[in-house]
Amino acid sequence: MSDREIPWRARLAAAVLDVSPDWGASAASKALGAAARARLPRPLSRAFVSAYVRFFGVDLEDVDPRSMEDGYDSFNAFFTRRLRPGARPVDARRDVLSAPCDGLLRGIAPVERDTAVVAKGHQYTLGELLADEALAESFLGGLATTIYLHPRDYHRVHTPCDGTAQRVVAVPGRLLPVTAAALERAPRLFALNERLIHVLDTPFGAIAVVMIAAFGVGHMSCAYRHIEPHPREIQRVDCDPPVRLRKGDELGVFHLGSTVVVLTQAGVRPLAPTDEPTAVRMGQPLLQRGDVA
């Protein structure tokens, strides 16, 4: 989306939140999260979910129809819904990294000198993003793959290949919207917002799957370790022993949506288009072992 195509309402919302104090945006997001988790009578839940599905154009083809008929206990239960078995086949090739989530692939950018990532709409250093300069250095010459999750999308995040979870890190930050208008005002947005970072050891080398919160995100949860939501200081939880994960296993959940950045070391190349935003689904091929052309 070009600057001229950004709606004025989005620009206004981004401007208001940008100048709001951190506690204001955080309190509003937490309130939305609490409302999403509130238990609802099933008839009210079905009506609310149906309105949401129509407004955002949610594809229910891969959802168990009985779940929709029965209704959900809360809006969060619908938003974090699992899909029916087989709905997301995972590419089984050992030399391929699969997409960790559904969403819009915004770009696959090289990690340049000083571990900088410069891509459409955003510019930051991996040291800022990961809150770990030593880990950031290991990705120099690699790739940063960015996937934006729309409110209509499936919001569970999975591992892109076999490996072991070495560490999960929760980084405090703001809860600003991840939109074109917001990125225009704050190109370093990904390094400013709250993050949940999964550090994996894999046959492709180290991989970091970074879940980035946004305005309206009640919280993010980790599938294999308990992490307190909305930390006030950095939490680094080492996995001892490391947690073995198979390709496609769940890493975490967005309780309301946002963005995922996958960081890979040198030696992989893109399989998906990198020049235009492209819709992807969890499990489909994303990167492959081999030098970048």
Protein backbone atom coordinates (compact mmCIF):
# COMPACT_ATOMS: atom_id res chain seq x y z
CA MET A 1 0.00 0.00 0.00
CA SER A 2 1.45 3.37 -1.03
CA ASP A 3 1.38 6.41 1.23
CA ARG A 4 -1.48 7.94 -0.76
CA GLU A 5 -3.58 4.80 -0.36
CA ILE A 6 -3.52 4.83 3.45
CA PRO A 7 -7.02 5.85 4.61
CA TRP A 8 -7.24 9.06 6.64
CA ARG A 9 -9.00 7.19 9.44
CA ALA A 10 -6.01 4.85 9.76
CA ARG A 11 -3.64 7.82 9.76
CA LEU A 12 -5.71 9.54 12.47
CA ALA A 13 -5.87 6.42 14.65
CA ALA A 14 -2.12 5.87 14.32
CA ALA A 15 -1.42 9.50 15.20
CA VAL A 16 -3.64 9.41 18.30
CA LEU A 17 -2.11 6.18 19.60
CA ASP A 18 1.42 7.35 18.77
CA VAL A 19 1.10 10.39 21.03
CA SER A 20 -0.81 8.54 23.75
CA PRO A 21 1.14 7.59 26.87
CA ASP A 22 2.28 3.98 27.04
CA TRP A 23 -0.03 3.23 29.95
CA GLY A 24 -3.05 4.51 27.98
CA ALA A 25 -2.57 2.28 24.94
CA SER A 26 -1.65 -0.64 27.17
CA ALA A 27 -4.71 -0.18 29.41
CA ALA A 28 -7.01 0.02 26.38
CA SER A 29 -5.50 -3.13 24.87
CA LYS A 30 -5.76 -5.02 28.15
CA ALA A 31 -9.38 -3.94 28.49
CA LEU A 32 -10.13 -5.27 25.00
CA GLY A 33 -8.37 -8.51 25.91
CA ALA A 34 -10.41 -8.86 29.11
CA ALA A 35 -13.63 -8.25 27.19
CA ALA A 36 -12.62 -10.88 24.62
CA ARG A 37 -12.07 -13.44 27.39
CA ALA A 38 -15.37 -12.70 29.18
CA ARG A 39 -17.77 -15.64 29.17
CA LEU A 40 -20.84 -15.08 27.03
CA PRO A 41 -24.18 -16.89 26.82
CA ARG A 42 -24.04 -19.19 23.79
CA PRO A 43 -26.81 -17.37 21.83
CA LEU A 44 -25.02 -14.03 22.33
CA SER A 45 -21.69 -15.62 21.44
CA ARG A 46 -23.07 -17.07 18.21
CA ALA A 47 -24.55 -13.70 17.22
CA PHE A 48 -21.34 -11.83 18.02
CA VAL A 49 -19.14 -14.32 16.18
CA SER A 50 -21.46 -14.33 13.16
CA ALA A 51 -21.26 -10.53 12.94
CA TYR A 52 -17.45 -10.66 13.20
CA VAL A 53 -17.25 -13.35 10.50
CA ARG A 54 -19.35 -11.26 8.11
CA PHE A 55 -17.52 -8.00 8.81
CA PHE A 56 -13.99 -9.39 8.34
CA GLY A 57 -14.80 -12.08 5.79
CA VAL A 58 -13.55 -14.99 7.94
CA ASP A 59 -13.26 -18.24 5.97
CA LEU A 60 -14.97 -20.95 8.03
CA GLU A 61 -14.29 -23.79 5.58
CA ASP A 62 -11.50 -25.17 7.77
CA VAL A 63 -13.35 -24.82 11.07
CA ASP A 64 -15.25 -27.76 12.58
CA PRO A 65 -18.91 -26.88 11.77
CA ARG A 66 -20.04 -28.35 15.08
CA SER A 67 -18.00 -25.71 16.91
CA MET A 68 -19.85 -22.94 15.11
CA GLU A 69 -23.21 -24.58 15.74
CA ASP A 70 -22.50 -25.08 19.45
CA GLY A 71 -21.03 -21.61 19.87
CA TYR A 72 -17.98 -20.48 21.83
CA ASP A 73 -17.69 -19.61 25.53
CA SER A 74 -16.02 -16.28 24.68
CA PHE A 75 -14.84 -14.27 21.72
CA ASN A 76 -11.25 -15.24 22.59
CA ALA A 77 -12.23 -18.91 22.25
CA PHE A 78 -13.36 -18.21 18.69
CA PHE A 79 -10.38 -16.02 17.84
CA THR A 80 -7.89 -18.66 19.00
CA ARG A 81 -9.88 -21.48 17.36
CA ARG A 82 -8.14 -24.61 16.21
CA LEU A 83 -8.78 -25.92 12.73
CA ARG A 84 -10.12 -29.31 11.71
CA PRO A 85 -7.48 -32.06 11.28
CA GLY A 86 -5.75 -31.87 7.90
CA ALA A 87 -6.81 -28.28 7.21
CA ARG A 88 -3.17 -27.11 7.04
CA PRO A 89 -0.95 -29.77 5.44
CA VAL A 90 2.70 -29.12 6.28
CA ASP A 91 5.35 -29.41 3.54
CA ALA A 92 7.32 -32.51 4.56
CA ARG A 93 10.59 -31.82 2.70
CA ARG A 94 13.54 -31.68 5.09
CA ASP A 95 15.29 -28.89 3.16
CA VAL A 96 12.22 -26.62 3.29
CA LEU A 97 11.09 -24.21 6.00
CA SER A 98 7.30 -23.90 6.06
CA ALA A 99 5.20 -20.86 6.91
CA PRO A 100 4.64 -20.71 10.69
CA CYS A 101 1.23 -19.08 10.42
CA ASP A 102 -1.51 -17.84 8.13
CA GLY A 103 -1.25 -14.24 6.98
CA LEU A 104 0.04 -11.78 4.42
CA LEU A 105 3.71 -12.24 3.56
CA ARG A 106 4.92 -8.64 3.59
CA GLY A 107 8.46 -9.39 2.55
CA ILE A 108 11.63 -11.45 2.87
CA ALA A 109 14.49 -9.04 3.54
CA PRO A 110 18.23 -9.68 3.92
CA VAL A 111 19.84 -9.01 7.30
CA GLU A 112 22.49 -6.49 6.38
CA ARG A 113 25.57 -4.95 7.95
CA ASP A 114 25.13 -4.06 11.63
CA THR A 115 22.24 -6.57 11.65
CA ALA A 116 19.89 -4.00 10.11
CA VAL A 117 16.64 -5.01 8.44
CA VAL A 118 15.31 -2.57 5.87
CA ALA A 119 12.04 -3.56 4.22
CA LYS A 120 8.81 -2.02 3.04
CA GLY A 121 7.41 0.11 5.85
CA HIS A 122 9.90 -0.83 8.54
CA GLN A 123 13.52 -0.39 9.50
CA TYR A 124 15.13 -1.71 12.67
CA THR A 125 18.11 -3.64 13.98
CA LEU A 126 17.88 -7.22 15.18
CA GLY A 127 19.57 -6.22 18.41
CA GLU A 128 16.56 -4.03 19.13
CA LEU A 129 14.05 -6.63 18.00
CA LEU A 130 15.59 -9.54 19.93
CA ALA A 131 16.90 -7.54 22.89
CA ASP A 132 20.04 -9.64 22.45
CA GLU A 133 23.00 -8.31 20.45
CA ALA A 134 24.93 -11.60 20.49
CA LEU A 135 21.99 -13.56 19.10
CA ALA A 136 21.37 -10.81 16.53
CA GLU A 137 24.93 -11.14 15.19
CA SER A 138 24.32 -14.81 14.38
CA PHE A 139 21.69 -13.82 11.80
CA LEU A 140 23.96 -11.48 9.81
CA GLY A 141 23.71 -12.51 6.15
CA GLY A 142 20.46 -14.33 6.77
CA LEU A 143 16.84 -13.42 6.10
CA ALA A 144 14.00 -11.71 7.98
CA THR A 145 10.59 -12.95 6.82
CA THR A 146 7.59 -10.87 7.89
CA ILE A 147 4.00 -12.16 7.98
CA TYR A 148 1.07 -9.94 8.99
CA LEU A 149 -1.96 -11.63 10.54
CA HIS A 150 -5.30 -10.06 9.61
CA PRO A 151 -8.24 -10.26 12.03
CA ARG A 152 -9.76 -12.88 9.71
CA ASP A 153 -6.78 -15.23 10.00
CA TYR A 154 -6.04 -18.34 12.06
CA HIS A 155 -3.93 -17.02 14.95
CA ARG A 156 -1.84 -19.96 16.13
CA VAL A 157 1.90 -19.96 15.33
CA HIS A 158 3.83 -23.15 14.52
CA THR A 159 7.43 -24.24 14.13
CA PRO A 160 8.73 -24.02 10.53
CA CYS A 161 10.95 -27.14 10.78
CA ASP A 162 12.08 -29.88 13.14
CA GLY A 163 14.26 -28.68 15.98
CA THR A 164 14.45 -27.94 19.69
CA ALA A 165 13.25 -24.90 21.61
CA GLN A 166 16.29 -23.56 23.47
CA ARG A 167 14.80 -20.44 24.99
CA VAL A 168 11.69 -18.27 24.99
CA VAL A 169 11.98 -14.56 25.71
CA ALA A 170 9.21 -12.13 26.59
CA VAL A 171 10.12 -8.50 25.90
CA PRO A 172 7.95 -5.66 27.27
CA GLY A 173 6.95 -2.84 24.96
CA ARG A 174 4.14 -0.75 23.60
CA LEU A 175 0.93 -2.06 22.07
CA LEU A 176 0.69 0.08 18.94
CA PRO A 177 -1.25 -1.02 15.84
CA VAL A 178 0.82 -2.74 13.17
CA THR A 179 -0.64 -0.95 10.15
CA ALA A 180 0.81 0.88 7.17
CA ALA A 181 -0.12 4.19 8.81
CA ALA A 182 1.56 3.20 12.08
CA LEU A 183 4.69 1.95 10.31
CA GLU A 184 4.87 5.21 8.39
CA ARG A 185 5.02 7.11 11.69
CA ALA A 186 7.31 4.63 13.46
CA PRO A 187 9.52 2.54 11.11
CA ARG A 188 11.07 0.85 14.20
CA LEU A 189 7.64 -0.29 15.36
CA PHE A 190 8.50 -4.00 15.45
CA ALA A 191 11.32 -3.27 17.92
CA LEU A 192 9.05 -1.06 20.06
CA ASN A 193 6.03 -3.32 20.57
CA GLU A 194 5.77 -6.16 23.07
CA ARG A 195 7.36 -9.38 21.73
CA LEU A 196 7.49 -13.11 22.43
CA ILE A 197 10.63 -14.70 20.94
CA HIS A 198 11.11 -18.42 20.36
CA VAL A 199 14.79 -19.36 19.90
CA LEU A 200 15.14 -22.70 18.10
CA ASP A 201 18.09 -24.94 17.26
CA THR A 202 17.44 -26.63 13.93
CA PRO A 203 19.20 -28.37 11.00
CA PHE A 204 19.13 -24.92 9.35
CA GLY A 205 21.05 -23.41 12.26
CA ALA A 206 19.53 -21.03 14.77
CA ILE A 207 16.04 -19.74 13.99
CA ALA A 208 14.09 -17.10 15.89
CA VAL A 209 10.32 -16.89 15.52
CA VAL A 210 9.26 -13.48 16.86
CA MET A 211 5.61 -12.88 17.74
CA ILE A 212 4.92 -9.12 17.82
CA ALA A 213 1.94 -7.78 19.71
CA ALA A 214 -0.23 -4.89 18.55
CA PHE A 215 -3.05 -2.70 19.80
CA GLY A 216 -5.94 -4.87 20.91
CA VAL A 217 -3.79 -7.93 21.64
CA GLY A 218 -5.03 -9.28 24.96
CA HIS A 219 -1.81 -11.24 25.32
CA MET A 220 0.43 -13.85 23.69
CA SER A 221 0.92 -17.33 25.10
CA CYS A 222 3.65 -19.95 24.67
CA ALA A 223 2.63 -23.54 23.93
CA TYR A 224 5.56 -25.28 25.67
CA ARG A 225 6.47 -23.01 28.62
CA HIS A 226 4.42 -20.78 30.90
CA ILE A 227 5.15 -17.10 30.30
CA GLU A 228 3.45 -14.31 32.22
CA PRO A 229 1.59 -11.95 29.87
CA HIS A 230 2.53 -8.28 29.55
CA PRO A 231 5.91 -8.46 31.34
CA ARG A 232 7.30 -5.31 32.96
CA GLU A 233 10.87 -6.45 32.36
CA ILE A 234 12.52 -8.91 30.00
CA GLN A 235 11.85 -12.55 30.88
CA ARG A 236 14.33 -15.10 29.52
CA VAL A 237 13.25 -18.68 30.12
CA ASP A 238 15.82 -21.34 29.17
CA CYS A 239 14.46 -24.75 28.23
CA ASP A 240 16.43 -27.31 30.26
CA PRO A 241 16.27 -29.81 28.76
CA PRO A 242 15.46 -28.31 25.34
CA VAL A 243 11.95 -29.02 24.09
CA ARG A 244 11.90 -31.23 21.00
CA LEU A 245 9.51 -29.95 18.33
CA ARG A 246 8.43 -31.46 15.05
CA LYS A 247 7.70 -29.36 11.98
CA GLY A 248 4.21 -27.91 12.37
CA ASP A 249 4.04 -28.23 16.17
CA GLU A 250 2.49 -25.25 17.94
CA LEU A 251 4.77 -22.53 19.33
CA GLY A 252 2.30 -19.98 20.61
CA VAL A 253 -1.00 -18.17 20.26
CA PHE A 254 -2.04 -14.57 19.64
CA HIS A 255 -5.05 -13.71 21.79
CA LEU A 256 -6.05 -11.10 19.18
CA GLY A 257 -3.77 -10.60 16.20
CA SER A 258 -0.50 -9.12 15.01
CA THR A 259 2.74 -9.95 13.15
CA VAL A 260 5.35 -12.74 13.00
CA VAL A 261 8.99 -12.27 11.95
CA VAL A 262 11.05 -15.40 11.20
CA LEU A 263 14.83 -14.91 11.38
CA THR A 264 17.09 -17.42 9.66
CA GLN A 265 20.86 -17.64 9.29
CA ALA A 266 22.75 -17.54 6.00
CA GLY A 267 22.21 -20.48 3.66
CA VAL A 268 18.49 -20.35 2.87
CA ARG A 269 16.68 -18.77 -0.06
CA PRO A 270 13.08 -17.64 -0.58
CA LEU A 271 10.56 -19.93 -2.24
CA ALA A 272 7.71 -17.43 -1.98
CA PRO A 273 7.50 -14.16 -3.98
CA THR A 274 9.36 -11.28 -2.35
CA ASP A 275 8.33 -8.32 -4.52
CA GLU A 276 4.60 -8.14 -3.71
CA PRO A 277 2.57 -8.99 -0.58
CA THR A 278 1.37 -12.58 -0.88
CA ALA A 279 -1.19 -14.54 1.14
CA VAL A 280 0.32 -17.60 2.84
CA ARG A 281 -1.05 -20.43 4.93
CA MET A 282 0.62 -22.25 7.77
CA GLY A 283 2.57 -25.25 6.49
CA GLN A 284 3.16 -24.16 2.91
CA PRO A 285 6.77 -23.87 1.65
CA LEU A 286 8.42 -20.56 2.50
CA LEU A 287 12.24 -20.93 2.47
CA GLN A 288 14.66 -23.61 1.25
CA ARG A 289 18.22 -24.56 2.05
CA GLY A 290 20.53 -23.13 -0.60
CA ASP A 291 22.29 -19.84 -1.36
CA VAL A 292 20.19 -16.83 -2.23
CA ALA A 293 20.24 -16.28 -5.99
